[in-house]
């Protein structure tokens, strides 16, 4: 059975310890060595039983970003398993969001974040949401939801095809 939520159980010093703690779908443990988050060890939330090791250390190759805000953890980008159960999901705000039906537009964005993004677009023509998230020190999924809210308000428009995720200031 697919998990609807995930829990970061602990922060530990090695993979073996982390893997021994993730017993149920959606259980996660962070491996931190020397103050550097190295891995997120996760029991696949799809229920297939696989233990996933998600790289968090860019020195070891392509890496995900792990955010801790207001007591919850979020991961960016999504996890897209090309083999095994072939699940595709997002870990955001303690929930597992399945990409086969989830739309970030369904999430209520933070009004203060919307205002900050609107202010940024007063001095630029375009930006990708992941670049904005780095600049604002915000979770990329939060920034995407806020940008899409601004699209609904007619204040931004989003590119298409290869420019999807890039937002453009509207001209008045």
C-alpha atoms as a PDB file:
ATOM      1  CA  UNK A   1       0.000   0.000   0.000  1.00  0.00           C
ATOM      2  CA  UNK A   2       1.314   3.453  -0.954  1.00  0.00           C
ATOM      3  CA  UNK A   3       2.243   5.794   1.872  1.00  0.00           C
ATOM      4  CA  UNK A   4       0.604   9.218   1.932  1.00  0.00           C
ATOM      5  CA  UNK A   5       3.235  10.658   4.262  1.00  0.00           C
ATOM      6  CA  UNK A   6       6.859  10.212   5.205  1.00  0.00           C
ATOM      7  CA  UNK A   7       8.745  10.633   8.444  1.00  0.00           C
ATOM      8  CA  UNK A   8      12.383  11.530   8.968  1.00  0.00           C
ATOM      9  CA  UNK A   9      13.074   9.296  11.951  1.00  0.00           C
ATOM     10  CA  UNK A  10      16.607  10.289  12.791  1.00  0.00           C
ATOM     11  CA  UNK A  11      19.912  11.793  11.712  1.00  0.00           C
ATOM     12  CA  UNK A  12      22.709   9.209  11.967  1.00  0.00           C
ATOM     13  CA  UNK A  13      26.366   8.859  11.011  1.00  0.00           C
ATOM     14  CA  UNK A  14      26.357   5.963   8.525  1.00  0.00           C
ATOM     15  CA  UNK A  15      24.302   4.127   5.921  1.00  0.00           C
ATOM     16  CA  UNK A  16      24.096   0.811   7.793  1.00  0.00           C
ATOM     17  CA  UNK A  17      22.525   2.456  10.819  1.00  0.00           C
ATOM     18  CA  UNK A  18      20.181   4.485   8.622  1.00  0.00           C
ATOM     19  CA  UNK A  19      19.035   1.443   6.634  1.00  0.00           C
ATOM     20  CA  UNK A  20      18.329  -0.510   9.814  1.00  0.00           C
ATOM     21  CA  UNK A  21      15.873   2.178  10.974  1.00  0.00           C
ATOM     22  CA  UNK A  22      13.670   2.507   7.878  1.00  0.00           C
ATOM     23  CA  UNK A  23      11.193  -0.317   8.393  1.00  0.00           C
ATOM     24  CA  UNK A  24       7.937   0.999   6.912  1.00  0.00           C
ATOM     25  CA  UNK A  25       7.039   2.654   3.606  1.00  0.00           C
ATOM     26  CA  UNK A  26       7.861   6.355   3.887  1.00  0.00           C
ATOM     27  CA  UNK A  27      10.360   5.985   6.750  1.00  0.00           C
ATOM     28  CA  UNK A  28      13.472   8.134   6.157  1.00  0.00           C
ATOM     29  CA  UNK A  29      16.792   8.668   7.889  1.00  0.00           C
ATOM     30  CA  UNK A  30      19.419  11.303   7.114  1.00  0.00           C
ATOM     31  CA  UNK A  31      23.083  10.311   7.057  1.00  0.00           C
ATOM     32  CA  UNK A  32      25.198  13.233   8.285  1.00  0.00           C
ATOM     33  CA  UNK A  33      28.967  12.989   8.572  1.00  0.00           C
ATOM     34  CA  UNK A  34      30.998  15.891   9.841  1.00  0.00           C
ATOM     35  CA  UNK A  35      28.079  18.293   9.640  1.00  0.00           C
ATOM     36  CA  UNK A  36      27.413  17.471   5.969  1.00  0.00           C
ATOM     37  CA  UNK A  37      24.166  15.782   4.993  1.00  0.00           C
ATOM     38  CA  UNK A  38      25.318  12.927   2.737  1.00  0.00           C
ATOM     39  CA  UNK A  39      22.274  10.729   2.076  1.00  0.00           C
ATOM     40  CA  UNK A  40      18.589  10.396   2.620  1.00  0.00           C
ATOM     41  CA  UNK A  41      17.840   6.721   3.204  1.00  0.00           C
ATOM     42  CA  UNK A  42      14.206   6.003   2.442  1.00  0.00           C
ATOM     43  CA  UNK A  43      11.974   2.934   2.448  1.00  0.00           C
ATOM     44  CA  UNK A  44      10.132   3.393  -0.852  1.00  0.00           C
ATOM     45  CA  UNK A  45       6.742   4.894  -0.041  1.00  0.00           C
ATOM     46  CA  UNK A  46       5.132   2.888  -2.824  1.00  0.00           C
ATOM     47  CA  UNK A  47       5.279  -0.246  -0.641  1.00  0.00           C
ATOM     48  CA  UNK A  48       7.613  -2.259  -2.885  1.00  0.00           C
ATOM     49  CA  UNK A  49      10.026  -2.698   0.043  1.00  0.00           C
ATOM     50  CA  UNK A  50      13.088  -1.204  -1.647  1.00  0.00           C
ATOM     51  CA  UNK A  51      15.445   0.953   0.417  1.00  0.00           C
ATOM     52  CA  UNK A  52      16.493   4.004  -1.587  1.00  0.00           C
ATOM     53  CA  UNK A  53      19.690   5.952  -1.055  1.00  0.00           C
ATOM     54  CA  UNK A  54      19.284   9.533  -2.223  1.00  0.00           C
ATOM     55  CA  UNK A  55      22.525  11.487  -2.645  1.00  0.00           C
ATOM     56  CA  UNK A  56      22.533  14.854  -0.840  1.00  0.00           C
ATOM     57  CA  UNK A  57      26.241  15.638  -1.329  1.00  0.00           C
ATOM     58  CA  UNK A  58      27.013  17.384  -4.628  1.00  0.00           C
ATOM     59  CA  UNK A  59      30.680  16.371  -4.312  1.00  0.00           C
ATOM     60  CA  UNK A  60      29.548  12.786  -5.028  1.00  0.00           C
ATOM     61  CA  UNK A  61      27.695  13.549  -8.256  1.00  0.00           C
ATOM     62  CA  UNK A  62      24.180  14.758  -9.009  1.00  0.00           C
ATOM     63  CA  UNK A  63      22.492  15.536  -5.715  1.00  0.00           C
ATOM     64  CA  UNK A  64      19.078  16.333  -4.306  1.00  0.00           C
ATOM     65  CA  UNK A  65      18.507  19.193  -1.867  1.00  0.00           C
ATOM     66  CA  UNK A  66      16.984  18.502   1.528  1.00  0.00           C
ATOM     67  CA  UNK A  67      15.205  21.351   3.315  1.00  0.00           C
ATOM     68  CA  UNK A  68      14.011  21.531   6.886  1.00  0.00           C
ATOM     69  CA  UNK A  69      11.418  24.219   7.524  1.00  0.00           C
ATOM     70  CA  UNK A  70       8.936  24.640  10.371  1.00  0.00           C
ATOM     71  CA  UNK A  71       9.523  21.131  11.663  1.00  0.00           C
ATOM     72  CA  UNK A  72       9.096  19.289   8.345  1.00  0.00           C
ATOM     73  CA  UNK A  73      11.528  18.093   5.721  1.00  0.00           C
ATOM     74  CA  UNK A  74      11.184  18.482   1.947  1.00  0.00           C
ATOM     75  CA  UNK A  75      13.291  17.071  -0.893  1.00  0.00           C
ATOM     76  CA  UNK A  76      13.977  18.559  -4.318  1.00  0.00           C
ATOM     77  CA  UNK A  77      13.721  17.445  -7.071  1.00  0.00           C
ATOM     78  CA  UNK A  78      11.251  14.572  -7.244  1.00  0.00           C
ATOM     79  CA  UNK A  79      12.309  10.929  -7.048  1.00  0.00           C
ATOM     80  CA  UNK A  80      11.628   9.164 -10.331  1.00  0.00           C
ATOM     81  CA  UNK A  81      12.503   5.466 -10.217  1.00  0.00           C
ATOM     82  CA  UNK A  82      13.253   4.167 -13.726  1.00  0.00           C
ATOM     83  CA  UNK A  83      13.275   0.523 -12.555  1.00  0.00           C
ATOM     84  CA  UNK A  84      11.627  -1.658  -9.939  1.00  0.00           C
ATOM     85  CA  UNK A  85       8.244  -0.221  -8.984  1.00  0.00           C
ATOM     86  CA  UNK A  86       8.869   2.754 -11.339  1.00  0.00           C
ATOM     87  CA  UNK A  87       7.196   5.147  -8.932  1.00  0.00           C
ATOM     88  CA  UNK A  88       7.576   8.917  -9.251  1.00  0.00           C
ATOM     89  CA  UNK A  89       6.924  11.094  -6.228  1.00  0.00           C
ATOM     90  CA  UNK A  90       7.690  14.305  -4.368  1.00  0.00           C
ATOM     91  CA  UNK A  91       8.531  14.547  -0.659  1.00  0.00           C
ATOM     92  CA  UNK A  92       7.121  17.884   0.459  1.00  0.00           C
ATOM     93  CA  UNK A  93       5.895  19.151   3.837  1.00  0.00           C
ATOM     94  CA  UNK A  94       5.720  15.646   5.296  1.00  0.00           C
ATOM     95  CA  UNK A  95       3.531  14.301   2.491  1.00  0.00           C
ATOM     96  CA  UNK A  96       4.274  11.943  -0.369  1.00  0.00           C
ATOM     97  CA  UNK A  97       2.842  13.499  -3.523  1.00  0.00           C
ATOM     98  CA  UNK A  98       2.472  10.998  -6.349  1.00  0.00           C
ATOM     99  CA  UNK A  99       3.359  12.537  -9.695  1.00  0.00           C
ATOM    100  CA  UNK A 100       0.771  10.501 -11.575  1.00  0.00           C
ATOM    101  CA  UNK A 101      -1.990  12.825 -10.395  1.00  0.00           C
ATOM    102  CA  UNK A 102      -0.466  15.593  -8.327  1.00  0.00           C
ATOM    103  CA  UNK A 103      -0.319  19.172  -9.518  1.00  0.00           C
ATOM    104  CA  UNK A 104       1.630  21.775  -7.551  1.00  0.00           C
ATOM    105  CA  UNK A 105      -1.127  24.227  -8.521  1.00  0.00           C
ATOM    106  CA  UNK A 106      -3.373  22.463  -6.003  1.00  0.00           C
ATOM    107  CA  UNK A 107      -1.177  23.651  -3.126  1.00  0.00           C
ATOM    108  CA  UNK A 108      -1.947  26.901  -1.315  1.00  0.00           C
ATOM    109  CA  UNK A 109       1.109  29.151  -1.615  1.00  0.00           C
ATOM    110  CA  UNK A 110       2.346  31.428   1.149  1.00  0.00           C
ATOM    111  CA  UNK A 111       1.136  35.037   0.699  1.00  0.00           C
ATOM    112  CA  UNK A 112       4.456  36.491   1.916  1.00  0.00           C
ATOM    113  CA  UNK A 113       6.370  34.383  -0.600  1.00  0.00           C
ATOM    114  CA  UNK A 114       4.056  35.511  -3.398  1.00  0.00           C
ATOM    115  CA  UNK A 115       4.781  39.107  -2.447  1.00  0.00           C
ATOM    116  CA  UNK A 116       8.551  38.504  -2.393  1.00  0.00           C
ATOM    117  CA  UNK A 117       8.421  36.920  -5.849  1.00  0.00           C
ATOM    118  CA  UNK A 118       6.273  39.733  -7.205  1.00  0.00           C
ATOM    119  CA  UNK A 119       8.900  42.194  -5.896  1.00  0.00           C
ATOM    120  CA  UNK A 120      11.699  40.268  -7.624  1.00  0.00           C
ATOM    121  CA  UNK A 121       9.880  40.461 -10.953  1.00  0.00           C
ATOM    122  CA  UNK A 122       9.742  44.246 -10.679  1.00  0.00           C
ATOM    123  CA  UNK A 123      13.464  44.184 -11.566  1.00  0.00           C
ATOM    124  CA  UNK A 124      13.672  41.282 -14.033  1.00  0.00           C
ATOM    125  CA  UNK A 125      11.923  39.905 -17.070  1.00  0.00           C
ATOM    126  CA  UNK A 126      12.196  36.165 -16.403  1.00  0.00           C
ATOM    127  CA  UNK A 127      13.498  33.492 -14.049  1.00  0.00           C
ATOM    128  CA  UNK A 128      13.243  29.748 -13.488  1.00  0.00           C
ATOM    129  CA  UNK A 129      11.548  28.814 -10.229  1.00  0.00           C
ATOM    130  CA  UNK A 130      14.552  26.770  -9.040  1.00  0.00           C
ATOM    131  CA  UNK A 131      16.826  29.816  -9.475  1.00  0.00           C
ATOM    132  CA  UNK A 132      14.341  31.959  -7.571  1.00  0.00           C
ATOM    133  CA  UNK A 133      14.222  29.393  -4.768  1.00  0.00           C
ATOM    134  CA  UNK A 134      17.996  29.621  -4.327  1.00  0.00           C
ATOM    135  CA  UNK A 135      17.893  33.389  -4.312  1.00  0.00           C
ATOM    136  CA  UNK A 136      15.041  33.444  -1.793  1.00  0.00           C
ATOM    137  CA  UNK A 137      16.331  30.478   0.280  1.00  0.00           C
ATOM    138  CA  UNK A 138      12.968  28.771  -0.123  1.00  0.00           C
ATOM    139  CA  UNK A 139      11.874  25.250  -1.029  1.00  0.00           C
ATOM    140  CA  UNK A 140      11.576  25.041  -4.838  1.00  0.00           C
ATOM    141  CA  UNK A 141       8.126  23.428  -4.662  1.00  0.00           C
ATOM    142  CA  UNK A 142       6.911  26.407  -2.593  1.00  0.00           C
ATOM    143  CA  UNK A 143       8.307  28.863  -5.146  1.00  0.00           C
ATOM    144  CA  UNK A 144       6.729  26.959  -8.042  1.00  0.00           C
ATOM    145  CA  UNK A 145       3.323  27.039  -6.326  1.00  0.00           C
ATOM    146  CA  UNK A 146       3.699  30.780  -5.671  1.00  0.00           C
ATOM    147  CA  UNK A 147       4.749  31.508  -9.275  1.00  0.00           C
ATOM    148  CA  UNK A 148       1.792  29.530 -10.611  1.00  0.00           C
ATOM    149  CA  UNK A 149      -0.481  31.503  -8.293  1.00  0.00           C
ATOM    150  CA  UNK A 150       0.903  34.697  -9.840  1.00  0.00           C
ATOM    151  CA  UNK A 151       0.143  33.237 -13.288  1.00  0.00           C
ATOM    152  CA  UNK A 152      -3.496  32.737 -12.210  1.00  0.00           C
ATOM    153  CA  UNK A 153      -3.538  36.380 -11.087  1.00  0.00           C
ATOM    154  CA  UNK A 154      -2.216  37.481 -14.496  1.00  0.00           C
ATOM    155  CA  UNK A 155       1.007  38.888 -13.005  1.00  0.00           C
ATOM    156  CA  UNK A 156       3.344  36.296 -14.593  1.00  0.00           C
ATOM    157  CA  UNK A 157       3.163  33.801 -17.415  1.00  0.00           C
ATOM    158  CA  UNK A 158       4.954  30.462 -17.661  1.00  0.00           C
ATOM    159  CA  UNK A 159       6.966  29.259 -20.618  1.00  0.00           C
ATOM    160  CA  UNK A 160       5.990  26.160 -22.542  1.00  0.00           C
ATOM    161  CA  UNK A 161       7.830  22.977 -23.539  1.00  0.00           C
ATOM    162  CA  UNK A 162      11.545  23.458 -22.746  1.00  0.00           C
ATOM    163  CA  UNK A 163      10.767  26.721 -20.959  1.00  0.00           C
ATOM    164  CA  UNK A 164       8.232  25.149 -18.593  1.00  0.00           C
ATOM    165  CA  UNK A 165       9.156  26.279 -15.085  1.00  0.00           C
ATOM    166  CA  UNK A 166      10.519  29.590 -16.382  1.00  0.00           C
ATOM    167  CA  UNK A 167       8.290  32.500 -15.523  1.00  0.00           C
ATOM    168  CA  UNK A 168       8.050  35.809 -17.365  1.00  0.00           C
ATOM    169  CA  UNK A 169       6.843  39.174 -16.189  1.00  0.00           C
ATOM    170  CA  UNK A 170       3.655  40.253 -17.922  1.00  0.00           C
ATOM    171  CA  UNK A 171       3.646  43.538 -19.723  1.00  0.00           C
ATOM    172  CA  UNK A 172       0.934  45.987 -18.851  1.00  0.00           C
END
